[in-house]
Protein backbone atom coordinates (compact mmCIF):
# COMPACT_ATOMS: atom_id res chain seq x y z
CA MET A 1 -6.80 -14.54 -2.92
CA THR A 2 -4.78 -11.48 -1.87
CA LEU A 3 -2.54 -13.70 -0.60
CA LEU A 4 -2.06 -16.20 -3.45
CA LEU A 5 -1.45 -13.44 -5.80
CA ALA A 6 1.34 -12.19 -3.35
CA PHE A 7 2.94 -15.41 -3.43
CA VAL A 8 3.75 -14.98 -7.29
CA LEU A 9 5.04 -11.47 -7.60
CA ALA A 10 8.22 -11.10 -9.17
CA CYS A 11 11.62 -10.67 -6.68
CA ARG A 12 15.25 -10.86 -7.39
CA SER A 13 16.79 -11.87 -4.28
CA VAL A 14 17.26 -15.55 -3.53
CA PRO A 15 14.54 -16.43 -0.80
CA GLU A 16 15.38 -16.58 3.01
CA PRO A 17 14.60 -19.81 4.18
CA LEU A 18 12.37 -20.71 6.87
CA VAL A 19 12.02 -24.58 6.15
CA ALA A 20 14.28 -26.94 4.60
CA GLY A 21 14.84 -27.28 1.33
CA PRO A 22 16.56 -25.90 -2.18
CA MET A 23 15.94 -22.20 -2.49
CA THR A 24 17.28 -22.15 -6.30
CA VAL A 25 17.90 -24.63 -8.64
CA LYS A 26 21.51 -24.73 -8.66
CA GLU A 27 20.99 -26.33 -4.74
CA ALA A 28 18.70 -28.84 -5.61
CA LYS A 29 20.76 -30.16 -8.44
CA ALA A 30 23.60 -29.99 -5.56
CA LEU A 31 21.33 -32.87 -3.67
CA HIS A 32 21.46 -34.87 -6.33
CA ALA A 33 23.33 -38.46 -5.06
CA PRO A 34 21.68 -41.87 -6.78
CA PRO A 35 20.18 -43.81 -5.97
CA GLY A 36 19.69 -42.35 -2.31
CA VAL A 37 18.35 -38.76 -3.68
CA VAL A 38 17.52 -38.51 -7.15
CA VAL A 39 16.95 -34.88 -8.62
CA GLU A 40 15.06 -34.23 -11.60
CA THR A 41 14.25 -30.73 -13.60
CA GLU A 42 12.19 -30.21 -16.65
CA LYS A 43 11.30 -26.58 -18.21
CA VAL A 44 7.60 -26.01 -18.19
CA ASN A 45 5.44 -23.93 -19.26
CA PRO A 46 3.39 -22.57 -15.55
CA PHE A 47 -0.05 -22.39 -17.20
CA ARG A 48 0.07 -25.85 -18.53
CA HIS A 49 1.74 -27.68 -15.99
CA ALA A 50 -0.83 -28.59 -13.23
CA PRO A 51 0.98 -30.40 -10.32
CA PRO A 52 -1.55 -31.34 -7.42
CA HIS A 53 -0.24 -28.08 -5.72
CA LEU A 54 -1.83 -25.73 -7.78
CA ILE A 55 0.93 -23.69 -8.59
CA SER A 56 -0.07 -23.40 -12.30
CA ILE A 57 -3.22 -21.91 -10.99
CA ALA A 58 -1.31 -19.05 -9.25
CA PHE A 59 0.66 -18.14 -12.09
CA TYR A 60 -2.46 -18.35 -14.15
CA ILE A 61 -3.87 -15.78 -12.15
CA ALA A 62 -0.57 -13.64 -11.99
CA GLY A 63 -0.53 -14.10 -15.75
CA THR A 64 2.56 -15.64 -15.83
CA THR A 65 3.40 -17.51 -18.85
CA GLN A 66 7.43 -18.07 -18.92
CA LEU A 67 9.23 -21.15 -19.14
CA GLN A 68 9.86 -21.86 -15.27
CA THR A 69 12.06 -24.94 -14.04
CA ALA A 70 10.16 -27.43 -11.89
CA VAL A 71 12.78 -29.56 -10.01
CA THR A 72 11.26 -32.64 -8.04
CA ILE A 73 13.45 -34.41 -5.43
CA ASP A 74 13.16 -38.00 -4.38
CA ARG A 75 14.56 -39.44 -1.15
CA ASP A 76 14.73 -43.14 -0.77
CA GLY A 77 12.72 -43.68 -3.65
CA GLU A 78 9.29 -41.67 -2.22
CA ARG A 79 8.75 -37.88 -3.28
CA TRP A 80 9.93 -34.98 -0.87
CA TRP A 81 10.07 -32.39 -2.62
CA ASN A 82 7.87 -30.39 -5.69
CA GLY A 83 9.47 -26.75 -5.92
CA LEU A 84 8.79 -24.32 -9.63
CA TYR A 85 11.63 -21.85 -9.84
CA ALA A 86 11.69 -18.61 -11.44
CA THR A 87 13.62 -18.09 -14.76
CA GLY A 88 16.71 -16.83 -12.97
CA GLY A 89 16.40 -20.17 -10.95
CA ARG A 90 15.04 -19.03 -7.64
CA LEU A 91 12.20 -20.60 -5.91
CA ARG A 92 8.57 -19.48 -6.10
CA MET A 93 6.38 -22.21 -5.19
CA ALA A 94 7.37 -25.44 -3.67
CA THR A 95 5.47 -28.80 -1.92
CA LEU A 96 7.55 -30.17 0.79
CA ARG A 97 6.67 -33.62 2.35
CA GLU A 98 7.22 -34.22 6.12
CA GLU A 99 6.73 -37.28 7.76
CA ASP A 100 2.98 -37.77 7.35
CA ARG A 101 1.80 -34.80 5.96
CA TRP A 102 2.78 -32.19 3.01
CA VAL A 103 3.49 -28.63 3.25
CA LEU A 104 3.13 -26.00 1.05
CA VAL A 105 6.07 -23.56 0.94
CA THR A 106 5.36 -19.96 -0.67
CA VAL A 107 7.70 -16.90 -1.16
CA PRO A 108 5.28 -13.85 -1.14
CA ALA A 109 6.59 -10.11 -2.30
CA LEU A 110 6.97 -8.70 0.72
CA ASP A 111 7.70 -4.92 -0.74
CA ALA A 112 7.32 -2.98 2.74
CA LEU A 113 8.97 -5.87 4.91
CA ASP A 114 11.72 -5.57 2.06
CA ARG A 115 12.47 -9.39 2.60
CA ARG A 116 11.92 -12.72 0.69
CA LEU A 117 11.15 -15.33 3.07
CA ALA A 118 10.24 -18.90 2.10
CA PHE A 119 8.07 -20.45 4.77
CA ALA A 120 5.06 -23.23 5.00
CA THR A 121 1.54 -21.42 4.48
CA HIS A 122 -0.74 -24.36 4.37
CA ALA A 123 -0.67 -28.61 5.31
CA ALA A 124 -2.13 -31.11 3.86
CA PRO A 125 -2.23 -34.89 5.06
CA ASP A 126 0.20 -37.29 3.35
CA VAL A 127 -2.46 -39.38 1.02
CA ASP A 128 -0.15 -42.40 -0.77
CA GLY A 129 2.51 -40.19 -1.52
CA ALA A 130 0.92 -36.86 -2.79
CA PRO A 131 -1.11 -34.19 -0.56
CA GLY A 132 -4.94 -34.59 0.47
CA GLU A 133 -6.99 -31.10 1.49
CA TRP A 134 -5.02 -28.34 1.86
CA ALA A 135 -5.61 -25.96 4.80
CA PRO A 136 -4.13 -22.88 5.79
CA LEU A 137 -1.55 -23.04 8.76
CA PRO A 138 -0.63 -20.05 11.37
CA THR A 139 1.38 -17.61 10.07
CA ASP A 140 5.13 -18.62 10.54
CA ARG A 141 6.44 -17.09 14.41
CA GLU A 142 9.68 -15.75 12.60
CA VAL A 143 7.77 -14.07 10.27
CA VAL A 144 5.46 -12.08 12.38
CA ALA A 145 9.02 -11.56 14.51
CA ALA A 146 10.89 -9.91 11.39
CA TYR A 147 7.63 -7.54 11.05
CA VAL A 148 7.64 -6.61 14.80
CA ALA A 149 11.91 -6.06 14.35
CA ALA A 150 11.09 -4.05 11.61
CA LEU A 151 8.80 -1.81 13.07
CA GLY A 152 11.33 -1.15 15.65
CA GLU A 153 14.43 -0.54 13.53
CA ALA A 154 11.97 1.68 10.81
CA ASP A 155 13.38 5.67 11.13
CA ARG A 156 9.67 7.02 10.10
CA SER A 157 5.76 7.00 10.95
CA SER A 158 5.97 6.00 6.99
CA ARG A 159 7.86 3.28 6.81
CA ARG A 160 5.61 2.13 9.87
CA GLY A 161 2.44 2.60 8.41
CA ASP A 162 3.64 0.35 5.27
CA LEU A 163 4.91 -2.36 7.35
CA ILE A 164 1.48 -2.36 9.40
CA ARG A 165 -0.71 -2.35 6.30
CA GLU A 166 0.85 -5.06 4.51
CA ALA A 167 1.08 -6.88 7.83
CA VAL A 168 -2.64 -6.84 8.05
CA ALA A 169 -3.44 -7.04 4.73
CA VAL A 170 -1.69 -10.22 4.33
CA PHE A 171 -0.96 -12.41 7.27
CA PRO A 172 -3.37 -12.61 10.39
CA GLU A 173 -0.88 -13.20 12.92
CA ALA A 174 2.08 -10.39 11.94
CA GLY A 175 -1.40 -8.30 11.61
CA THR A 176 -2.22 -8.41 15.02
CA ALA A 177 1.10 -8.32 16.81
CA THR A 178 1.66 -5.50 14.34
CA LEU A 179 -1.38 -3.51 15.71
CA ALA A 180 -0.21 -4.52 19.48
CA TRP A 181 3.50 -2.84 18.53
CA LEU A 182 1.51 -0.03 16.90
CA SER A 183 -1.25 0.45 20.54
CA GLU A 184 2.04 0.18 22.87
CA SER A 185 4.98 1.76 21.46
CA GLY A 186 3.74 3.86 18.26
CA THR A 187 3.84 7.57 18.40
CA ASP A 188 0.38 10.08 17.37
CA ALA A 189 2.13 10.00 13.89
CA ASP A 190 2.54 6.16 13.93
CA PHE A 191 -1.11 6.12 14.12
CA ALA A 192 -2.42 8.38 12.12
CA ASP A 193 -0.83 7.33 9.33
CA VAL A 194 -2.04 3.77 9.54
CA LEU A 195 -5.63 5.37 10.26
CA THR A 196 -5.35 7.82 7.31
CA TYR A 197 -4.94 5.60 4.26
CA ARG A 198 -8.03 4.46 3.00
CA ASN A 199 -8.19 1.45 1.81
CA PRO A 200 -11.55 -0.44 2.47
CA PRO A 201 -10.17 -4.23 3.08
CA ILE A 202 -7.47 -3.42 5.38
CA HIS A 203 -9.52 -1.39 7.52
CA GLU A 204 -12.16 -3.72 7.63
CA ARG A 205 -9.88 -6.47 9.16
CA ILE A 206 -8.64 -4.26 11.85
CA LEU A 207 -11.84 -2.88 12.93
CA LYS A 208 -12.77 -7.09 13.05
CA ARG A 209 -9.97 -7.64 15.05
CA PHE A 210 -9.85 -4.11 17.05
CA PRO A 211 -13.26 -2.86 16.93
CA GLU A 212 -12.29 -0.30 19.68
CA ILE A 213 -8.89 0.58 17.44
CA PRO A 214 -9.07 4.07 17.13
CA LYS A 215 -9.24 4.48 21.66
CA LEU A 216 -5.96 2.63 21.95
CA HIS A 217 -3.76 5.05 21.66
CA PRO A 218 -3.37 8.15 24.15
CA GLY A 219 -2.54 10.30 21.23
CA LEU A 220 -6.56 9.70 20.14
CA GLN A 221 -7.72 10.88 23.45
CA GLY A 222 -5.82 13.90 24.08
CA VAL A 223 -6.06 15.16 20.88
CA LEU A 224 -7.59 18.73 22.00
CA GLU A 225 -5.36 18.93 24.78
CA GLN A 226 -2.39 19.23 23.08
CA THR A 227 -0.60 22.51 21.96
CA ALA A 228 -1.91 24.16 18.75
CA ALA A 229 1.77 24.05 17.43
CA ASP A 230 1.95 20.17 17.92
CA PRO A 231 1.80 18.19 14.20
CA PRO A 232 1.02 14.78 15.82
CA GLY A 233 -2.01 16.31 16.89
CA LEU A 234 -2.71 17.40 13.88
CA LEU A 235 -2.42 13.89 12.51
CA SER A 236 -4.18 12.36 15.13
CA ALA A 237 -7.23 14.76 14.60
CA ALA A 238 -6.87 13.65 11.09
CA ALA A 239 -7.13 10.06 12.14
CA VAL A 240 -10.48 10.29 14.23
CA LEU A 241 -11.97 12.03 11.14
CA CYS A 242 -11.07 8.86 9.29
CA TRP A 243 -12.70 6.35 11.85
CA GLU A 244 -15.37 8.47 11.85
CA GLN A 245 -15.04 9.28 15.98
CA PRO A 246 -16.75 11.98 17.51
CA GLN A 247 -15.50 14.60 14.34
CA GLU A 248 -16.77 18.14 15.38
CA PRO A 249 -13.39 19.04 17.61
CA SER A 250 -11.03 16.94 15.71
CA ALA A 251 -12.54 18.87 12.30
CA GLN A 252 -12.22 22.01 13.54
CA ARG A 253 -8.83 21.02 14.86
CA VAL A 254 -7.49 19.97 11.44
CA VAL A 255 -9.37 23.29 9.92
CA GLU A 256 -7.63 25.60 12.47
CA GLY A 257 -4.29 23.99 11.90
CA ALA A 258 -4.30 24.14 8.30
CA CYS A 259 -5.70 28.28 8.32
CA GLY A 260 -2.81 28.75 11.00
CA ASP A 261 -0.26 27.29 9.05
CA GLN A 262 1.03 24.99 12.21
CA ASP A 263 3.66 22.53 11.41
CA GLY A 264 2.01 19.35 9.80
CA TRP A 265 -1.14 20.78 8.56
CA ILE A 266 -0.11 19.60 5.33
CA GLN A 267 -0.11 15.95 6.51
CA ALA A 268 -3.08 16.25 7.88
CA VAL A 269 -5.35 17.61 5.37
CA GLN A 270 -3.73 14.73 2.74
CA GLY A 271 -4.60 12.27 5.26
CA VAL A 272 -8.27 13.65 5.32
CA ASP A 273 -8.12 13.49 1.90
CA ARG A 274 -7.06 10.18 1.69
CA CYS A 275 -9.89 9.15 3.28
CA ARG A 276 -12.19 11.27 1.36
CA VAL A 277 -14.10 12.51 4.23
CA GLU A 278 -12.85 15.72 3.39
CA TYR A 279 -16.46 16.98 3.73
CA LYS A 280 -16.19 16.70 7.57
CA LEU A 281 -14.00 19.91 7.04
CA ARG A 282 -17.14 22.34 5.42
CA PRO A 283 -18.54 23.68 8.37
CA TRP A 284 -15.17 25.50 9.52
CA VAL A 285 -13.35 26.67 6.22
CA SER A 286 -15.57 30.29 6.29
CA SER A 287 -13.09 31.11 9.33
CA CYS A 288 -9.92 30.46 7.37
CA GLU A 289 -7.97 33.71 6.13
CA PRO A 290 -8.75 34.37 2.51
CA GLY A 291 -5.70 32.70 0.60
CA ALA A 292 -4.10 29.57 -0.75
CA VAL A 293 -5.29 27.34 2.12
CA LYS A 294 -8.96 28.26 1.97
CA GLY A 295 -8.96 27.98 -1.60
CA LEU A 296 -7.51 24.18 -1.28
CA LEU A 297 -10.21 23.60 1.34
CA SER A 298 -12.80 25.37 -0.40
CA VAL A 299 -12.33 23.25 -3.54
CA MET A 300 -11.76 19.92 -1.41
CA THR A 301 -15.36 20.48 0.52
CA HIS A 302 -17.10 21.80 -1.80
CA VAL A 303 -18.46 25.04 -0.20
CA GLU A 304 -20.68 27.24 -1.72
CA ASP A 305 -19.57 30.50 -1.53
CA ALA A 306 -15.94 29.79 -2.48
CA VAL A 307 -14.11 32.91 -3.74
CA SER A 308 -12.08 33.15 -7.05
CA ALA A 309 -8.99 34.61 -5.78
CA ASP A 310 -8.33 31.74 -3.04
CA ILE A 311 -9.09 28.94 -5.46
CA GLN A 312 -6.30 30.91 -7.64
CA ALA A 313 -3.92 31.29 -5.01
CA ALA A 314 -4.32 27.26 -4.17
CA LEU A 315 -3.29 26.67 -8.05
CA THR A 316 -0.58 28.72 -7.81
CA ALA A 317 1.05 27.56 -4.40
CA ASP A 318 3.39 24.82 -3.27
CA PRO A 319 3.59 21.67 -4.76
CA GLU A 320 1.97 20.05 -2.08
CA ILE A 321 -1.22 22.15 -2.17
CA VAL A 322 -1.52 22.03 -6.05
CA ALA A 323 -1.45 18.34 -6.20
CA LEU A 324 -4.74 18.22 -3.97
CA MET A 325 -6.14 20.94 -5.57
CA VAL A 326 -5.70 18.41 -8.72
CA ARG A 327 -7.14 15.56 -6.92
CA ASN A 328 -10.18 17.78 -6.22
CA LEU A 329 -11.01 20.62 -8.57
CA ASP A 330 -14.10 20.06 -10.06
CA LEU A 331 -14.43 22.30 -13.58
CA GLU A 332 -18.45 21.77 -13.46
CA ARG A 333 -18.45 24.27 -10.88
CA GLU A 334 -18.39 27.47 -12.58
CA VAL A 335 -15.68 29.22 -10.17
CA GLN A 336 -13.16 26.82 -10.09
CA MET A 337 -13.41 26.74 -13.60
CA ALA A 338 -13.43 30.69 -13.82
CA ALA A 339 -10.37 30.19 -10.80
CA LEU A 340 -8.59 28.25 -13.34
CA VAL A 341 -8.83 30.29 -16.63
CA ALA A 342 -7.83 33.18 -14.88
CA VAL A 343 -4.72 31.44 -13.72
CA LEU A 344 -3.78 30.51 -17.36
CA GLU A 345 -4.45 33.50 -18.53
CA SER A 346 -2.07 35.17 -15.97
CA GLY A 347 1.01 33.75 -17.64
CA GLU A 348 1.81 33.05 -14.26
CA GLU A 349 4.36 29.63 -14.78
CA LEU A 350 2.59 26.72 -13.68
CA ASP A 351 3.50 23.38 -11.42
CA PRO A 352 3.72 20.48 -13.83
CA ALA A 353 1.32 18.47 -12.15
CA LEU A 354 -1.41 21.24 -12.90
CA VAL A 355 -0.41 20.89 -16.64
CA ARG A 356 -0.13 17.19 -16.83
CA ALA A 357 -3.46 17.48 -15.57
CA ILE A 358 -5.19 19.57 -17.93
CA ARG A 359 -3.57 17.91 -20.80
CA SER A 360 -4.64 14.23 -19.73
CA GLY A 361 -8.49 16.39 -19.13
CA GLY A 362 -8.11 16.98 -23.19
CA ASP A 363 -10.62 20.10 -23.07
CA PRO A 364 -9.26 22.48 -25.76
CA ALA A 365 -10.30 25.50 -24.63
CA LEU A 366 -8.22 24.80 -21.62
CA VAL A 367 -5.39 23.03 -23.45
CA GLY A 368 -5.37 26.12 -25.56
CA LEU A 369 -4.82 28.38 -22.69
CA LEU A 370 -0.78 26.81 -21.55
CA PRO A 371 2.46 27.87 -22.49
CA VAL A 372 3.44 26.57 -25.57
CA ASP A 373 5.62 23.47 -24.95
CA PRO A 374 8.72 23.71 -26.45
CA ASP A 375 9.61 20.74 -26.59
CA ALA A 376 7.21 19.19 -28.29
CA ASP A 377 7.32 18.08 -32.33
CA GLU A 378 6.04 21.11 -34.18
CA THR A 379 3.81 20.40 -37.13
CA PRO A 380 5.60 20.22 -40.43
CA SER A 381 4.94 23.56 -42.79
CA ASP A 382 4.04 22.74 -46.47
């Protein structure tokens, strides 16, 4: 169902065709050459329009009820093309007759790949001029090649991570190919970016295909051999934690990197937070020197002996630290509530993310301690 939903997301560009067929209503109309080729168009509501290829169901799931353009093309008296086009005239889905079979042509919204490709995803035997039972096709080789090529051209690990996760989530063969690229050509940062992004369905698919994937990249095996100032080493340690590999050395590595203000520590801690495995860091938090980082790790790991001064330092630290604090702050804990109140009463300038969190929380006592918003509407006096 995830694949089907992706196919009907809105996109603005004309699809790149990997099949023979008109990508726009204009292209379809240009084929009209009776009596050999007959093109007919009709405005339809996809919720009510129910051709055999189930286009209406796809649009119903996506909540699309705007009028679309249905296009049929007959060649020598036999149906060759059933297409559904968006309001702007661009192809959304179609069925195409190829000799003794039909194929379902889809145009997924590939955000990470940043391309619109129209290609066949399912095939069905031709039964008296209509599709029979549909069966999935292997992912088009050009789609797989597009993901691998994009990985080679990407200039940052977060972009490569997005590509790999999208491929794994949507296209089995492309997912396998991108994971193979990761194991052969990816950096520690690439590997960690993929593995510290908590998405259970994607992780499940990765583990199912590659149960030993944490061992595929030498960066994970050599985490503790890398220099203390090596940022990818910290990210690899975070990835080890997320994948529940031997934890103690990696957890200690992340904490020491954070407390030592080593380059890349915030990305490693963000990765651990994304995976919701921050509790694994708890045994080593006490080794940190007092300050913002110790306050952050104390809040994230729920240590019992957290110090208010450390938490206050974290609440007034750099925006990246404050953002993690906002995600993890538990005001049911007395020391955290006291630290927040102390910060509010201090009159220090607050990070906007913290202000928004307090306002959205709606606690009158905390909201009342916020500085007056000069842009807020004043209550008119009598």
